[in-house]
Every structure is written in C-alpha cells, then in structure tokens.
Amino acid sequence: MALADGTLFYGTGFGATGETVAELCFNTAMTGYQEIMTDPSYAGQIVTFTFPHIGNVGTNDDDDETADPVAAGMVVRWAPTDPSNWRAAGHLSEWLARRGRIAMGGVDTRRLTRAIRRQGAPHAALAHSPDGRFDIEALVARARGWAGLVGRDLARDVSCAQSYRWDEMRWAWPEGYTRRATPGRRVVAIDYGAKRNILRCLASAGCDVTVLPATATAEEVLAHNPEGVFLSNGPGDPAATGAYAVPMIRGVLERDIPVFGICLGHQMLALALGARTIKMNHGHHGANHPVKDLETGKVEITSMNHGFTVDSQSLPAGVVETHVSLFDGSNCGIRMADRPVFSVQYHPEASPGPQDSYYLFERFVAAMARRGVA
C-alpha cells in the first residue's frame, strides 16, 4: 500500500488481486467487519481495522448490508484464519475475492492509525499481486493523483435504481428475519446508500416502507402520501449530494411531515435548514463512540461512520443541537424547535454496534402517530 506522501506498507495480500485507490480510514469496531465492508457509506474508502482478529467468524449470507462490498479495500493486522463460528458459511478471503475486493494483512495497524490521526485521512493505493512485483512509483502517483472525497457525490452510485417496498424486520431468535404482517405507518425512505438493517428497524418499529432513489424529487416523494420521510445514510461529500437532495427536503418540509435523518441524511437535513458541513481530519468510524443527549443528559454508545460533519456554529435560529460527540465535541444531532423533524449523525440501527439508540425509530413512529396523517 502506497500513501500519497510516499509512505509504503508491505503485507500479505488476500481477497482479490489487482489495484485500487481510495481514502484510507480506520475503524475501531471489534465486531461486524462484514457489515462494515458492505455499508454503502464506505464508498471511496479503504478500511483499516484496529481490532486484530478480523475474519475469525467467517462470512454468511445474513450479515450483508447491501448486495456486495462497497468499501474499496481492507487492511488488517493479521491475515484471517479459518473461520470458527456456527453461523459461518465461508472464509473472509474467499468472500472478498468473489466480490473483487483487495485486502492486506500483516500490517502494523497501530502505526497506521496514529499516522491517520496525526496527518488526516490520506489517499492510498492498495495493490495485491501474487508474484510480489509492484510498480511503486506508479502506485504513489495513483495515490497522489486521486481526486479525493471533497466535492464528490457518491450517493447516486450506491442508491437504488428504482423504487421498492421493504417489509423485512430485525433478526430475532429463533425465527431470524421475519416480515411485517400488519399495516404500519407509511414511510418514504430516501436511499442515499441505505443499510438493510436501517430499513429493518423502520419495519420493526411499525412502518410500511417505500424506498426511493437518492435523486427523487419532492413531488415524487409526496405522491406516495407519506406519513413520514426518512433520509438514509450514505457516502461522499454532503454538499455535492445536497445539490439535488436539499431542494427535495425543503419541498417535503413545506408539508409539515415528520422527517428523520441518519448520517448523510442528517447532513442533508442540516443543509436544507441552512447549516454548513465540513470535512473532518480523520472522521468517526467505529462502534464505541460516546454521544451525549444534551436534552436528557444521557450518554449513548453509538456506531459511527462519517468523514464530514455538520458545523454546529452554522445552525440557524429554530434549529436545536441535540447531541454531541464526547470524543471531540462535534455535532451529532439536531431537531427543529417547532416541528417533528430531527436527525442524528450516528447509526442507531446497531449493525454493527450497540443498541442504545433504537428508541429514535420509535420516536419517529410516535411523531407520525401524533400527527395523525390520514
């Protein structure tokens, strides 16, 4: 792996062969590598896992958050061993190879993480060649020449191509995934890169979910007569995605419909309300992030994945900051003071991650019930 500053890392390749270039970030989660690699929010990123035991529980068909891995590549401390878990259906290396994703083990990920924290998320070129031959100068040039994430709209790339209905609910023992059998609140979910478990949480909380592409207009959203509108997670620069998302959101807000946003959806809502977003030094990626609810004083441990953040200093009058990160004080939640419109930066669907924040889905449903929209 070659960084844009010329730093080189050598290790043992696994997964697919070839080359890829992306932004390098680190993730501190101890579980959920399959969910992380298939999270559309990681488009344009290579993930360094700080936890050393990656791959030890193998892979299975249930834990994918989308059909294929979206993260560009994986870097780990130790190459994965044979899986040892009752749910395992395959080896991580084989799973990555089938899906064209490059990975590298044997790297000092602590050193790499310190470098990312100190210098910011670098551009990196990752190469895997079984014969061990690499054109180092070309790899460094690819890393240096990569355009980066600032100004890039990646939501279009990972969004669905057409609308669909969703009724699958959260996994529960012993049935596994089940389907909603009773009518629920009509929710339109805008897919900026939605994770399956977010949609499952909406269904489990009592929603009949219709998913629309990221580029849906306000007219297309309102044509479904929704009782609530959900803005999903997703990748890329929120300012770029906002070029088409912000007008849609403002059109929905004119109808006084409950709105709930997560991650990129949170940033889209903030932009629609008049705030700004900024690129972070190295972002937040992990399942152990403490977030304080400023209105209750409660601290939640959350799952996060974002490289941009809402500038809390830019929040306009009538928009309340509700949550902040206890790591760095950055904004993690907002709401409108006089409307059932709110959003959070973190991932309350807990895939992977703690389940402290599931109540937000129930809050969304309660807001729709109070509205009593026919």
Protein backbone atom coordinates (compact mmCIF):
# COMPACT_ATOMS: atom_id res chain seq x y z
CA MET A 1 0.00 0.00 0.00
CA ALA A 2 1.35 3.39 -1.03
CA LEU A 3 0.20 6.63 0.61
CA ALA A 4 0.18 9.93 -1.23
CA ASP A 5 3.15 11.16 0.84
CA GLY A 6 5.25 8.22 -0.40
CA THR A 7 4.95 6.07 2.74
CA LEU A 8 4.86 2.35 1.89
CA PHE A 9 3.35 -0.59 3.76
CA TYR A 10 4.03 -4.21 2.84
CA GLY A 11 1.98 -7.20 3.95
CA THR A 12 0.28 -10.41 2.88
CA GLY A 13 -2.43 -9.98 0.28
CA PHE A 14 -5.73 -11.84 0.34
CA GLY A 15 -9.07 -11.48 -1.36
CA ALA A 16 -8.98 -10.19 -4.95
CA THR A 17 -5.84 -9.28 -6.89
CA GLY A 18 -5.23 -6.01 -8.69
CA GLU A 19 -5.10 -2.36 -7.59
CA THR A 20 -7.48 0.16 -6.07
CA VAL A 21 -7.16 3.75 -4.89
CA ALA A 22 -9.29 5.45 -2.22
CA GLU A 23 -9.23 7.42 1.01
CA LEU A 24 -7.78 5.45 3.93
CA CYS A 25 -9.70 5.47 7.22
CA PHE A 26 -9.57 3.40 10.39
CA ASN A 27 -12.44 1.64 12.16
CA THR A 28 -12.28 0.72 15.85
CA ALA A 29 -15.20 -1.75 15.93
CA MET A 30 -14.43 -5.16 17.46
CA THR A 31 -17.23 -6.91 15.55
CA GLY A 32 -19.10 -6.55 12.30
CA TYR A 33 -16.40 -6.46 9.62
CA GLN A 34 -18.83 -7.94 7.07
CA GLU A 35 -21.44 -5.26 7.83
CA ILE A 36 -18.74 -2.58 7.61
CA MET A 37 -17.42 -3.74 4.25
CA THR A 38 -20.96 -3.78 2.82
CA ASP A 39 -22.00 -0.43 4.30
CA PRO A 40 -22.56 1.92 1.32
CA SER A 41 -21.26 4.80 3.44
CA TYR A 42 -17.73 3.40 2.88
CA ALA A 43 -17.76 4.00 -0.89
CA GLY A 44 -14.43 5.52 -1.89
CA GLN A 45 -12.64 4.30 1.25
CA ILE A 46 -10.16 1.61 2.26
CA VAL A 47 -10.83 0.47 5.83
CA THR A 48 -8.06 -0.22 8.33
CA PHE A 49 -9.36 -2.30 11.23
CA THR A 50 -7.71 -1.52 14.55
CA PHE A 51 -9.04 -4.75 16.10
CA PRO A 52 -6.57 -7.53 15.14
CA HIS A 53 -8.94 -10.52 14.90
CA ILE A 54 -10.68 -9.80 11.60
CA GLY A 55 -12.11 -12.77 9.72
CA ASN A 56 -12.22 -15.21 12.61
CA VAL A 57 -16.01 -15.71 12.42
CA GLY A 58 -16.06 -16.04 8.63
CA THR A 59 -18.88 -14.70 6.48
CA ASN A 60 -22.54 -15.57 5.92
CA ASP A 61 -25.50 -14.52 3.79
CA ASP A 62 -27.38 -12.71 6.57
CA ASP A 63 -24.89 -10.00 7.57
CA ASP A 64 -24.52 -8.12 4.28
CA GLU A 65 -25.88 -4.58 4.45
CA THR A 66 -26.10 -4.43 0.65
CA ALA A 67 -25.65 -6.95 -2.14
CA ASP A 68 -21.86 -6.54 -2.47
CA PRO A 69 -18.99 -4.93 -0.55
CA VAL A 70 -18.83 -1.19 -1.14
CA ALA A 71 -15.60 -0.34 0.70
CA ALA A 72 -12.70 -0.31 -1.76
CA GLY A 73 -10.39 -2.49 0.32
CA MET A 74 -9.36 -3.79 3.74
CA VAL A 75 -6.16 -3.56 5.81
CA VAL A 76 -5.73 -5.72 8.95
CA ARG A 77 -3.09 -6.67 11.49
CA TRP A 78 -3.22 -10.40 10.85
CA ALA A 79 -4.42 -12.20 7.75
CA PRO A 80 -7.67 -14.06 8.56
CA THR A 81 -7.55 -17.61 9.89
CA ASP A 82 -10.06 -20.34 9.07
CA PRO A 83 -13.46 -19.29 10.47
CA SER A 84 -14.71 -20.71 13.74
CA ASN A 85 -18.36 -19.80 14.27
CA TRP A 86 -21.65 -21.67 13.99
CA ARG A 87 -23.00 -19.05 11.56
CA ALA A 88 -20.00 -19.14 9.21
CA ALA A 89 -20.77 -20.08 5.61
CA GLY A 90 -17.42 -19.13 4.10
CA HIS A 91 -13.92 -17.70 4.53
CA LEU A 92 -13.42 -13.91 4.50
CA SER A 93 -10.67 -14.14 1.89
CA GLU A 94 -12.88 -16.12 -0.49
CA TRP A 95 -15.80 -13.76 0.15
CA LEU A 96 -13.64 -10.74 -0.77
CA ALA A 97 -12.18 -12.47 -3.83
CA ARG A 98 -15.62 -13.30 -5.24
CA ARG A 99 -16.61 -9.67 -4.89
CA GLY A 100 -13.44 -8.12 -6.28
CA ARG A 101 -12.18 -6.51 -3.08
CA ILE A 102 -8.46 -6.35 -2.21
CA ALA A 103 -7.22 -6.88 1.33
CA MET A 104 -3.84 -6.90 3.07
CA GLY A 105 -2.77 -8.45 6.35
CA GLY A 106 0.42 -8.30 8.38
CA VAL A 107 0.36 -4.51 8.73
CA ASP A 108 1.22 -2.55 11.85
CA THR A 109 -2.26 -1.05 12.07
CA ARG A 110 -1.44 0.86 15.27
CA ARG A 111 1.28 2.76 13.42
CA LEU A 112 -1.06 3.31 10.50
CA THR A 113 -3.87 4.55 12.77
CA ARG A 114 -1.55 7.00 14.53
CA ALA A 115 -0.47 8.36 11.16
CA ILE A 116 -4.10 8.86 10.10
CA ARG A 117 -4.96 10.61 13.36
CA ARG A 118 -1.93 12.87 13.09
CA GLN A 119 -2.00 13.71 9.39
CA GLY A 120 -5.63 13.19 8.43
CA ALA A 121 -7.18 10.51 6.23
CA PRO A 122 -4.67 10.04 3.37
CA HIS A 123 -5.21 8.96 -0.19
CA ALA A 124 -3.87 5.44 -0.67
CA ALA A 125 -3.27 2.94 -3.47
CA LEU A 126 -3.64 -0.71 -2.45
CA ALA A 127 -2.18 -3.46 -4.65
CA HIS A 128 -2.22 -7.26 -4.42
CA SER A 129 -0.03 -9.26 -6.79
CA PRO A 130 0.65 -12.95 -6.09
CA ASP A 131 4.15 -12.67 -7.58
CA GLY A 132 5.05 -9.78 -5.27
CA ARG A 133 6.01 -7.44 -8.09
CA PHE A 134 4.80 -3.85 -7.84
CA ASP A 135 5.41 -0.60 -9.69
CA ILE A 136 5.95 1.54 -6.60
CA GLU A 137 6.30 4.83 -8.44
CA ALA A 138 3.05 4.22 -10.29
CA LEU A 139 1.23 3.35 -7.05
CA VAL A 140 2.43 6.52 -5.34
CA ALA A 141 1.41 8.51 -8.41
CA ARG A 142 -2.08 6.96 -8.33
CA ALA A 143 -2.48 7.88 -4.66
CA ARG A 144 -1.31 11.44 -5.30
CA GLY A 145 -3.50 11.82 -8.36
CA TRP A 146 -6.72 10.58 -6.79
CA ALA A 147 -9.35 13.34 -6.60
CA GLY A 148 -10.48 12.57 -3.04
CA LEU A 149 -13.95 12.75 -1.50
CA VAL A 150 -14.38 16.51 -1.21
CA GLY A 151 -16.82 17.67 -3.85
CA ARG A 152 -17.81 14.12 -4.87
CA ASP A 153 -21.40 12.94 -4.99
CA LEU A 154 -21.25 9.18 -4.38
CA ALA A 155 -24.86 8.71 -3.26
CA ARG A 156 -26.01 8.33 -6.88
CA ASP A 157 -23.56 5.44 -7.32
CA VAL A 158 -24.84 3.40 -4.37
CA SER A 159 -28.53 4.32 -4.42
CA CYS A 160 -31.22 2.03 -5.81
CA ALA A 161 -32.14 2.47 -9.47
CA GLN A 162 -35.90 2.32 -8.88
CA SER A 163 -38.36 2.34 -6.00
CA TYR A 164 -39.26 -0.77 -4.00
CA ARG A 165 -41.16 -1.83 -0.89
CA TRP A 166 -39.48 -3.15 2.26
CA ASP A 167 -41.18 -5.28 4.95
CA GLU A 168 -38.36 -7.40 6.44
CA MET A 169 -37.87 -6.84 10.17
CA ARG A 170 -34.89 -7.16 12.52
CA TRP A 171 -33.28 -10.52 13.20
CA ALA A 172 -34.69 -12.28 16.27
CA TRP A 173 -34.08 -15.66 17.79
CA PRO A 174 -35.13 -18.28 16.79
CA GLU A 175 -37.04 -17.20 13.67
CA GLY A 176 -34.31 -14.99 12.16
CA TYR A 177 -35.64 -12.34 9.79
CA THR A 178 -39.43 -12.13 9.58
CA ARG A 179 -41.87 -10.00 7.56
CA ARG A 180 -44.35 -7.37 8.70
CA ALA A 181 -47.81 -8.87 8.64
CA THR A 182 -49.86 -5.87 9.79
CA PRO A 183 -50.31 -2.39 8.30
CA GLY A 184 -47.98 0.33 9.56
CA ARG A 185 -47.21 3.99 9.15
CA ARG A 186 -46.50 4.97 5.56
CA VAL A 187 -42.84 5.99 5.31
CA VAL A 188 -40.86 7.01 2.26
CA ALA A 189 -37.15 6.27 2.76
CA ILE A 190 -34.71 8.15 0.54
CA ASP A 191 -31.84 5.84 -0.37
CA TYR A 192 -28.53 7.72 -0.28
CA GLY A 193 -26.87 4.37 0.46
CA ALA A 194 -29.28 2.82 2.93
CA LYS A 195 -28.20 -0.14 5.04
CA ARG A 196 -30.60 -3.05 5.15
CA ASN A 197 -30.72 -3.05 8.93
CA ILE A 198 -31.91 0.57 8.98
CA LEU A 199 -34.85 -0.45 6.81
CA ARG A 200 -35.44 -3.47 9.07
CA CYS A 201 -35.53 -1.17 12.10
CA LEU A 202 -38.13 1.03 10.44
CA ALA A 203 -40.26 -2.03 9.65
CA SER A 204 -39.85 -3.41 13.19
CA ALA A 205 -40.85 -0.06 14.67
CA GLY A 206 -44.13 -0.15 12.76
CA CYS A 207 -43.53 1.32 9.31
CA ASP A 208 -44.64 0.34 5.83
CA VAL A 209 -41.51 1.41 3.94
CA THR A 210 -41.25 2.53 0.33
CA VAL A 211 -37.66 3.19 -0.77
CA LEU A 212 -36.96 5.84 -3.41
CA PRO A 213 -33.69 6.66 -5.22
CA ALA A 214 -31.45 9.44 -3.95
CA THR A 215 -32.47 11.72 -6.82
CA ALA A 216 -36.20 11.56 -6.06
CA THR A 217 -37.95 14.92 -6.19
CA ALA A 218 -40.32 16.34 -3.60
CA GLU A 219 -43.22 15.68 -5.98
CA GLU A 220 -42.22 12.02 -6.33
CA VAL A 221 -41.92 11.65 -2.55
CA LEU A 222 -45.24 13.34 -1.79
CA ALA A 223 -47.02 11.30 -4.49
CA HIS A 224 -46.80 8.34 -2.07
CA ASN A 225 -48.79 10.30 0.54
CA PRO A 226 -46.23 9.54 3.27
CA GLU A 227 -46.90 9.97 6.96
CA GLY A 228 -43.13 10.35 7.44
CA VAL A 229 -39.98 10.74 5.37
CA PHE A 230 -36.71 9.05 6.26
CA LEU A 231 -33.30 10.25 4.99
CA SER A 232 -30.74 7.42 4.95
CA ASN A 233 -27.02 7.14 5.46
CA GLY A 234 -24.65 7.32 2.50
CA PRO A 235 -21.16 8.23 1.22
CA GLY A 236 -19.44 11.24 -0.30
CA ASP A 237 -19.45 14.99 0.23
CA PRO A 238 -22.83 16.13 1.59
CA ALA A 239 -22.52 19.48 -0.17
CA ALA A 240 -22.32 17.68 -3.53
CA THR A 241 -25.26 15.40 -2.77
CA GLY A 242 -27.17 18.41 -1.48
CA ALA A 243 -27.33 19.89 -4.98
CA TYR A 244 -30.37 17.69 -5.68
CA ALA A 245 -31.28 16.44 -2.18
CA VAL A 246 -31.72 19.83 -0.49
CA PRO A 247 -34.50 21.07 -2.82
CA MET A 248 -36.39 17.80 -2.27
CA ILE A 249 -36.10 18.05 1.51
CA ARG A 250 -37.23 21.67 1.53
CA GLY A 251 -40.24 20.71 -0.54
CA VAL A 252 -41.15 17.99 1.97
CA LEU A 253 -40.66 20.35 4.93
CA GLU A 254 -43.26 22.69 3.44
CA ARG A 255 -45.86 19.95 4.04
CA ASP A 256 -45.13 19.71 7.78
CA ILE A 257 -44.44 15.95 7.61
CA PRO A 258 -42.28 14.23 10.27
CA VAL A 259 -38.72 13.76 8.99
CA PHE A 260 -35.93 11.58 10.43
CA GLY A 261 -32.38 11.51 9.11
CA ILE A 262 -29.29 9.38 9.81
CA CYS A 263 -25.63 10.06 8.89
CA LEU A 264 -25.62 11.58 5.38
CA GLY A 265 -29.38 12.07 5.84
CA HIS A 266 -28.57 14.12 8.95
CA GLN A 267 -26.17 16.25 6.95
CA MET A 268 -28.71 16.65 4.12
CA LEU A 269 -31.33 17.87 6.59
CA ALA A 270 -28.87 20.32 8.15
CA LEU A 271 -28.01 21.74 4.73
CA ALA A 272 -31.70 22.06 3.87
CA LEU A 273 -32.24 24.01 7.08
CA GLY A 274 -29.40 26.41 6.25
CA ALA A 275 -26.37 24.95 8.07
CA ARG A 276 -22.94 24.02 6.65
CA THR A 277 -20.92 20.82 6.55
CA ILE A 278 -17.13 20.49 6.79
CA LYS A 279 -14.55 17.75 6.13
CA MET A 280 -13.12 16.17 9.29
CA ASN A 281 -9.45 15.37 9.86
CA HIS A 282 -9.96 11.61 10.09
CA GLY A 283 -13.67 11.20 10.72
CA HIS A 284 -15.51 8.90 13.10
CA HIS A 285 -15.57 5.18 12.28
CA GLY A 286 -16.36 2.60 14.95
CA ALA A 287 -18.94 1.08 17.28
CA ASN A 288 -17.73 2.62 20.56
CA HIS A 289 -18.43 6.34 20.16
CA PRO A 290 -19.94 8.08 23.21
CA VAL A 291 -22.60 10.64 22.32
CA LYS A 292 -24.35 12.90 24.83
CA ASP A 293 -28.01 13.80 24.50
CA LEU A 294 -27.94 17.45 25.53
CA GLU A 295 -31.66 17.45 26.36
CA THR A 296 -31.69 14.46 28.71
CA GLY A 297 -28.06 14.27 29.82
CA LYS A 298 -27.98 10.62 28.79
CA VAL A 299 -24.82 9.22 27.19
CA GLU A 300 -25.26 6.65 24.44
CA ILE A 301 -22.57 4.39 23.00
CA THR A 302 -23.05 4.53 19.26
CA SER A 303 -21.87 3.23 15.91
CA MET A 304 -20.47 5.88 13.56
CA ASN A 305 -19.13 6.16 10.04
CA HIS A 306 -18.63 9.64 8.64
CA GLY A 307 -15.82 11.83 7.33
CA PHE A 308 -17.86 15.04 7.13
CA THR A 309 -19.73 16.76 9.94
CA VAL A 310 -22.34 19.45 10.45
CA ASP A 311 -20.80 22.73 11.63
CA SER A 312 -22.75 23.40 14.81
CA GLN A 313 -21.75 27.07 14.67
CA SER A 314 -23.74 27.41 11.45
CA LEU A 315 -27.08 26.11 12.79
CA PRO A 316 -29.75 28.75 12.14
CA ALA A 317 -32.36 30.02 14.58
CA GLY A 318 -35.08 27.47 15.18
CA VAL A 319 -32.70 24.51 14.84
CA VAL A 320 -31.56 22.96 18.13
CA GLU A 321 -28.38 20.95 18.64
CA THR A 322 -29.49 17.80 20.46
CA HIS A 323 -26.42 15.51 20.54
CA VAL A 324 -22.64 15.97 20.63
CA SER A 325 -19.66 13.63 20.45
CA LEU A 326 -17.84 13.20 23.74
CA PHE A 327 -14.68 12.44 21.78
CA ASP A 328 -14.32 15.83 20.12
CA GLY A 329 -17.49 17.86 20.74
CA SER A 330 -18.63 17.67 17.10
CA ASN A 331 -22.31 17.81 16.27
CA CYS A 332 -24.20 14.52 16.39
CA GLY A 333 -27.85 15.54 16.27
CA ILE A 334 -30.32 18.34 15.52
CA ARG A 335 -34.05 18.98 15.61
CA MET A 336 -36.39 21.75 14.58
CA ALA A 337 -37.71 23.60 17.60
CA ASP A 338 -41.32 23.66 16.45
CA ARG A 339 -41.66 20.65 14.13
CA PRO A 340 -41.30 16.83 14.37
CA VAL A 341 -38.10 16.98 12.28
CA PHE A 342 -34.87 15.54 13.68
CA SER A 343 -31.69 13.71 12.71
CA VAL A 344 -28.55 12.15 14.16
CA GLN A 345 -25.03 11.70 12.81
CA TYR A 346 -24.57 8.20 14.20
CA HIS A 347 -26.12 4.84 13.23
CA PRO A 348 -28.88 3.77 15.66
CA GLU A 349 -29.60 0.56 13.75
CA ALA A 350 -26.65 -1.16 15.51
CA SER A 351 -25.25 -3.13 12.61
CA PRO A 352 -22.64 -3.46 13.88
CA GLY A 353 -22.73 -1.71 17.17
CA PRO A 354 -24.65 -1.16 20.42
CA GLN A 355 -28.43 -0.84 20.53
CA ASP A 356 -28.61 2.18 22.83
CA SER A 357 -30.25 4.37 20.19
CA TYR A 358 -33.04 2.21 18.76
CA TYR A 359 -35.52 4.48 20.55
CA LEU A 360 -35.03 7.02 17.74
CA PHE A 361 -37.03 4.81 15.36
CA GLU A 362 -39.80 4.61 17.95
CA ARG A 363 -39.66 8.39 18.37
CA PHE A 364 -40.15 8.78 14.61
CA VAL A 365 -43.20 6.49 14.64
CA ALA A 366 -44.62 8.31 17.68
CA ALA A 367 -44.26 11.63 15.84
CA MET A 368 -46.27 10.24 12.93
CA ALA A 369 -48.93 8.90 15.31
CA ARG A 370 -49.31 12.30 16.95
CA ARG A 371 -49.66 13.92 13.55
CA GLY A 372 -52.44 11.50 12.67
CA VAL A 373 -51.99 11.97 8.94
CA ALA A 374 -54.67 10.08 7.01
